C-alpha atoms as a PDB file:
ATOM      1  CA  UNK A   1      13.703  14.021 -14.111  1.00  0.00           C
ATOM      2  CA  UNK A   2      15.874  11.977 -14.463  1.00  0.00           C
ATOM      3  CA  UNK A   3      15.461   8.162 -14.666  1.00  0.00           C
ATOM      4  CA  UNK A   4      16.581   7.450 -11.119  1.00  0.00           C
ATOM      5  CA  UNK A   5      15.574  10.493  -9.355  1.00  0.00           C
ATOM      6  CA  UNK A   6      11.728   9.615 -11.235  1.00  0.00           C
ATOM      7  CA  UNK A   7      12.674   5.839  -9.253  1.00  0.00           C
ATOM      8  CA  UNK A   8      13.225   6.747  -6.264  1.00  0.00           C
ATOM      9  CA  UNK A   9      10.808   9.672  -5.462  1.00  0.00           C
ATOM     10  CA  UNK A  10       7.889   6.469  -6.615  1.00  0.00           C
ATOM     11  CA  UNK A  11       9.036   4.209  -4.024  1.00  0.00           C
ATOM     12  CA  UNK A  12       9.394   6.855  -1.665  1.00  0.00           C
ATOM     13  CA  UNK A  13       5.973   7.245  -2.021  1.00  0.00           C
ATOM     14  CA  UNK A  14       4.603   3.737  -2.166  1.00  0.00           C
ATOM     15  CA  UNK A  15       6.577   2.927   1.590  1.00  0.00           C
ATOM     16  CA  UNK A  16       4.374   6.672   2.185  1.00  0.00           C
ATOM     17  CA  UNK A  17       1.369   5.176   1.234  1.00  0.00           C
ATOM     18  CA  UNK A  18       1.927   1.777   3.050  1.00  0.00           C
ATOM     19  CA  UNK A  19       3.601   2.496   6.187  1.00  0.00           C
ATOM     20  CA  UNK A  20       1.272   5.757   6.807  1.00  0.00           C
ATOM     21  CA  UNK A  21      -1.673   3.413   8.351  1.00  0.00           C
ATOM     22  CA  UNK A  22       1.129   0.952  10.019  1.00  0.00           C
ATOM     23  CA  UNK A  23       2.090   3.939  12.269  1.00  0.00           C
ATOM     24  CA  UNK A  24      -1.518   5.327  13.161  1.00  0.00           C
ATOM     25  CA  UNK A  25      -2.793   1.719  13.726  1.00  0.00           C
ATOM     26  CA  UNK A  26       0.757   2.377  16.194  1.00  0.00           C
ATOM     27  CA  UNK A  27       0.193   5.504  17.087  1.00  0.00           C
ATOM     28  CA  UNK A  28      -4.462   4.914  17.411  1.00  0.00           C
ATOM     29  CA  UNK A  29      -4.149   1.114  18.461  1.00  0.00           C
ATOM     30  CA  UNK A  30      -7.536   0.241  17.136  1.00  0.00           C
ATOM     31  CA  UNK A  31      -9.324   3.860  17.481  1.00  0.00           C
ATOM     32  CA  UNK A  32     -11.397   4.801  14.776  1.00  0.00           C
ATOM     33  CA  UNK A  33     -10.692   1.832  12.920  1.00  0.00           C
ATOM     34  CA  UNK A  34     -13.266   0.082  11.334  1.00  0.00           C
ATOM     35  CA  UNK A  35     -12.613  -2.266   8.664  1.00  0.00           C
ATOM     36  CA  UNK A  36     -13.860  -1.343   4.782  1.00  0.00           C
ATOM     37  CA  UNK A  37     -15.467  -4.237   4.521  1.00  0.00           C
ATOM     38  CA  UNK A  38     -17.939  -3.421   7.436  1.00  0.00           C
ATOM     39  CA  UNK A  39     -16.862  -7.641   8.468  1.00  0.00           C
ATOM     40  CA  UNK A  40     -19.368  -8.913   6.209  1.00  0.00           C
ATOM     41  CA  UNK A  41     -18.619 -11.627   3.952  1.00  0.00           C
ATOM     42  CA  UNK A  42     -18.268 -13.613   0.654  1.00  0.00           C
ATOM     43  CA  UNK A  43     -20.353 -16.217  -0.729  1.00  0.00           C
ATOM     44  CA  UNK A  44     -18.025 -18.308   0.022  1.00  0.00           C
ATOM     45  CA  UNK A  45     -18.323 -17.529   3.930  1.00  0.00           C
ATOM     46  CA  UNK A  46     -14.858 -15.928   4.125  1.00  0.00           C
ATOM     47  CA  UNK A  47     -14.680 -12.173   4.751  1.00  0.00           C
ATOM     48  CA  UNK A  48     -14.490  -9.439   1.998  1.00  0.00           C
ATOM     49  CA  UNK A  49     -11.244  -8.198   2.723  1.00  0.00           C
ATOM     50  CA  UNK A  50     -10.870  -9.303   6.649  1.00  0.00           C
ATOM     51  CA  UNK A  51     -10.491  -6.585   9.691  1.00  0.00           C
ATOM     52  CA  UNK A  52      -7.076  -5.480   9.111  1.00  0.00           C
ATOM     53  CA  UNK A  53      -8.469  -2.759   5.313  1.00  0.00           C
ATOM     54  CA  UNK A  54      -9.748  -0.043   7.632  1.00  0.00           C
ATOM     55  CA  UNK A  55     -11.640   3.561   6.761  1.00  0.00           C
ATOM     56  CA  UNK A  56      -8.713   5.063   8.784  1.00  0.00           C
ATOM     57  CA  UNK A  57      -6.163   3.338   7.003  1.00  0.00           C
ATOM     58  CA  UNK A  58      -7.751   4.249   3.316  1.00  0.00           C
ATOM     59  CA  UNK A  59      -8.296   7.871   4.735  1.00  0.00           C
ATOM     60  CA  UNK A  60      -4.380   7.842   6.644  1.00  0.00           C
ATOM     61  CA  UNK A  61      -2.957   6.102   2.777  1.00  0.00           C
ATOM     62  CA  UNK A  62      -4.801   8.878   0.718  1.00  0.00           C
ATOM     63  CA  UNK A  63      -3.587  11.625   2.719  1.00  0.00           C
ATOM     64  CA  UNK A  64      -0.232  10.526   2.610  1.00  0.00           C
ATOM     65  CA  UNK A  65       0.242  10.308  -1.090  1.00  0.00           C
ATOM     66  CA  UNK A  66      -1.125  13.901  -1.347  1.00  0.00           C
ATOM     67  CA  UNK A  67       1.503  15.143   1.313  1.00  0.00           C
ATOM     68  CA  UNK A  68       4.103  13.409  -0.735  1.00  0.00           C
ATOM     69  CA  UNK A  69       2.675  14.382  -3.471  1.00  0.00           C
ATOM     70  CA  UNK A  70       2.521  17.957  -2.925  1.00  0.00           C
ATOM     71  CA  UNK A  71       6.172  17.850  -2.020  1.00  0.00           C
ATOM     72  CA  UNK A  72       7.793  16.478  -5.191  1.00  0.00           C
ATOM     73  CA  UNK A  73       5.205  19.340  -7.182  1.00  0.00           C
ATOM     74  CA  UNK A  74       2.874  16.833  -8.290  1.00  0.00           C
ATOM     75  CA  UNK A  75      -0.551  17.575  -8.855  1.00  0.00           C
ATOM     76  CA  UNK A  76      -3.565  16.808  -6.253  1.00  0.00           C
ATOM     77  CA  UNK A  77      -5.668  15.092  -8.686  1.00  0.00           C
ATOM     78  CA  UNK A  78      -2.865  12.751  -9.834  1.00  0.00           C
ATOM     79  CA  UNK A  79      -1.244  12.674  -5.959  1.00  0.00           C
ATOM     80  CA  UNK A  80      -4.904  11.309  -5.142  1.00  0.00           C
ATOM     81  CA  UNK A  81      -5.085   8.819  -8.130  1.00  0.00           C
ATOM     82  CA  UNK A  82      -1.934   7.574  -7.015  1.00  0.00           C
ATOM     83  CA  UNK A  83      -2.924   6.696  -3.584  1.00  0.00           C
ATOM     84  CA  UNK A  84      -6.138   5.775  -4.650  1.00  0.00           C
ATOM     85  CA  UNK A  85      -4.435   2.752  -6.568  1.00  0.00           C
ATOM     86  CA  UNK A  86      -1.993   1.605  -4.342  1.00  0.00           C
ATOM     87  CA  UNK A  87      -4.707   0.868  -1.499  1.00  0.00           C
ATOM     88  CA  UNK A  88      -7.581  -0.444  -4.451  1.00  0.00           C
ATOM     89  CA  UNK A  89      -3.837  -2.966  -5.375  1.00  0.00           C
ATOM     90  CA  UNK A  90      -3.756  -3.788  -1.617  1.00  0.00           C
ATOM     91  CA  UNK A  91      -6.881  -4.114  -1.110  1.00  0.00           C
ATOM     92  CA  UNK A  92      -7.188  -6.868  -4.055  1.00  0.00           C
ATOM     93  CA  UNK A  93      -4.561  -8.644  -2.287  1.00  0.00           C
ATOM     94  CA  UNK A  94      -6.017  -8.782   0.077  1.00  0.00           C
ATOM     95  CA  UNK A  95      -9.369 -10.287  -0.892  1.00  0.00           C
ATOM     96  CA  UNK A  96      -7.623 -12.728  -2.760  1.00  0.00           C
ATOM     97  CA  UNK A  97      -5.405 -13.675   0.178  1.00  0.00           C
ATOM     98  CA  UNK A  98      -9.047 -14.163   1.290  1.00  0.00           C
ATOM     99  CA  UNK A  99     -10.250 -16.487  -1.426  1.00  0.00           C
ATOM    100  CA  UNK A 100      -7.222 -18.973  -0.123  1.00  0.00           C
ATOM    101  CA  UNK A 101      -7.942 -18.937   3.146  1.00  0.00           C
ATOM    102  CA  UNK A 102      -5.071 -16.514   4.494  1.00  0.00           C
ATOM    103  CA  UNK A 103      -5.878 -14.419   7.870  1.00  0.00           C
ATOM    104  CA  UNK A 104      -5.753 -11.279   7.760  1.00  0.00           C
ATOM    105  CA  UNK A 105      -2.012  -9.843   8.362  1.00  0.00           C
ATOM    106  CA  UNK A 106      -0.763 -13.074   7.387  1.00  0.00           C
ATOM    107  CA  UNK A 107       2.306 -13.087   4.748  1.00  0.00           C
ATOM    108  CA  UNK A 108       1.376 -13.734   0.483  1.00  0.00           C
ATOM    109  CA  UNK A 109       5.009 -12.887  -1.013  1.00  0.00           C
ATOM    110  CA  UNK A 110       4.627 -11.453  -3.879  1.00  0.00           C
ATOM    111  CA  UNK A 111       0.533 -10.680  -3.661  1.00  0.00           C
ATOM    112  CA  UNK A 112       1.800  -8.670  -0.323  1.00  0.00           C
ATOM    113  CA  UNK A 113       3.646  -6.283  -3.102  1.00  0.00           C
ATOM    114  CA  UNK A 114       3.377  -6.186  -6.082  1.00  0.00           C
ATOM    115  CA  UNK A 115      -0.635  -5.288  -6.483  1.00  0.00           C
ATOM    116  CA  UNK A 116       0.115  -1.890  -4.116  1.00  0.00           C
ATOM    117  CA  UNK A 117       3.012  -0.966  -6.148  1.00  0.00           C
ATOM    118  CA  UNK A 118       2.153  -1.882 -10.024  1.00  0.00           C
ATOM    119  CA  UNK A 119      -0.827  -0.902 -10.159  1.00  0.00           C
ATOM    120  CA  UNK A 120      -0.273   3.154  -9.164  1.00  0.00           C
ATOM    121  CA  UNK A 121       2.770   2.608 -11.508  1.00  0.00           C
ATOM    122  CA  UNK A 122       0.694   1.953 -14.820  1.00  0.00           C
ATOM    123  CA  UNK A 123      -2.525   3.714 -13.734  1.00  0.00           C
ATOM    124  CA  UNK A 124      -0.226   6.981 -13.649  1.00  0.00           C
ATOM    125  CA  UNK A 125       2.024   5.410 -15.720  1.00  0.00           C
ATOM    126  CA  UNK A 126       1.587   8.514 -18.532  1.00  0.00           C
ATOM    127  CA  UNK A 127       1.298  11.369 -15.953  1.00  0.00           C
ATOM    128  CA  UNK A 128       4.791  10.385 -13.961  1.00  0.00           C
ATOM    129  CA  UNK A 129       6.653   9.800 -17.543  1.00  0.00           C
ATOM    130  CA  UNK A 130       7.805   6.487 -16.311  1.00  0.00           C
ATOM    131  CA  UNK A 131       8.744   3.180 -19.158  1.00  0.00           C
ATOM    132  CA  UNK A 132       7.588   0.180 -17.985  1.00  0.00           C
ATOM    133  CA  UNK A 133      10.695  -0.495 -17.580  1.00  0.00           C
ATOM    134  CA  UNK A 134      11.008   1.523 -14.541  1.00  0.00           C
ATOM    135  CA  UNK A 135       7.978   0.143 -13.300  1.00  0.00           C
ATOM    136  CA  UNK A 136       9.244  -3.090 -13.054  1.00  0.00           C
ATOM    137  CA  UNK A 137      12.892  -1.842 -11.702  1.00  0.00           C
ATOM    138  CA  UNK A 138      10.443   0.587  -8.751  1.00  0.00           C
ATOM    139  CA  UNK A 139       8.439  -2.804  -7.877  1.00  0.00           C
ATOM    140  CA  UNK A 140      10.941  -5.228  -7.400  1.00  0.00           C
ATOM    141  CA  UNK A 141      12.388  -2.435  -5.318  1.00  0.00           C
ATOM    142  CA  UNK A 142       9.404  -2.291  -3.683  1.00  0.00           C
ATOM    143  CA  UNK A 143       8.631  -5.439  -2.922  1.00  0.00           C
ATOM    144  CA  UNK A 144      12.551  -5.807  -1.560  1.00  0.00           C
ATOM    145  CA  UNK A 145      12.311  -2.679   0.390  1.00  0.00           C
ATOM    146  CA  UNK A 146       9.504  -4.156   2.252  1.00  0.00           C
ATOM    147  CA  UNK A 147      10.514  -6.825   2.666  1.00  0.00           C
ATOM    148  CA  UNK A 148      13.665  -5.454   4.913  1.00  0.00           C
ATOM    149  CA  UNK A 149      11.262  -2.569   6.585  1.00  0.00           C
ATOM    150  CA  UNK A 150       8.651  -4.745   7.550  1.00  0.00           C
ATOM    151  CA  UNK A 151      11.244  -6.996   9.567  1.00  0.00           C
ATOM    152  CA  UNK A 152      12.534  -3.310  10.824  1.00  0.00           C
ATOM    153  CA  UNK A 153       9.220  -1.961  12.095  1.00  0.00           C
ATOM    154  CA  UNK A 154       8.449  -5.625  13.937  1.00  0.00           C
ATOM    155  CA  UNK A 155      11.888  -5.371  15.592  1.00  0.00           C
ATOM    156  CA  UNK A 156      10.570  -1.884  16.749  1.00  0.00           C
ATOM    157  CA  UNK A 157       7.905  -3.136  17.918  1.00  0.00           C
ATOM    158  CA  UNK A 158       6.003  -1.061  15.365  1.00  0.00           C
ATOM    159  CA  UNK A 159       4.206  -4.440  13.455  1.00  0.00           C
ATOM    160  CA  UNK A 160       3.006  -6.442  15.167  1.00  0.00           C
ATOM    161  CA  UNK A 161       4.592  -8.907  12.269  1.00  0.00           C
ATOM    162  CA  UNK A 162       7.697  -9.618  11.011  1.00  0.00           C
ATOM    163  CA  UNK A 163       6.087  -8.783   7.234  1.00  0.00           C
END
């Protein structure tokens, strides 16, 4: 694949994975929404991940990853790994935000975007044939697109917050 074409595909993929839980929340509100951390607290007394990281969101993101991967003829196992690593990045940022005392769905510029784009890109780098330079471009582009799309989805009343 051409470099730009691959970067656009991966960006589309990341946006789809991260958008699936948001759209599902809009459609279902809190139905079938159960926190991954089972509402448990870390030894610091704060939630491990918080209420916005749910099994429903995880499953929808993994399904979106496999669906989008199949559109671009990416093997099932790579698509599933890509989605899982994106969600691992998202959960890592939530874990860090809770340690800093930030509430669920609060804004942490960079921390909200970088792990969820960087983890899958690094983990699937060899499978996708993507270079370190392409990874850097995609991570920065994802950060910027995420900020724009978040505000747009808020304006369209799909997201509850503009970030």
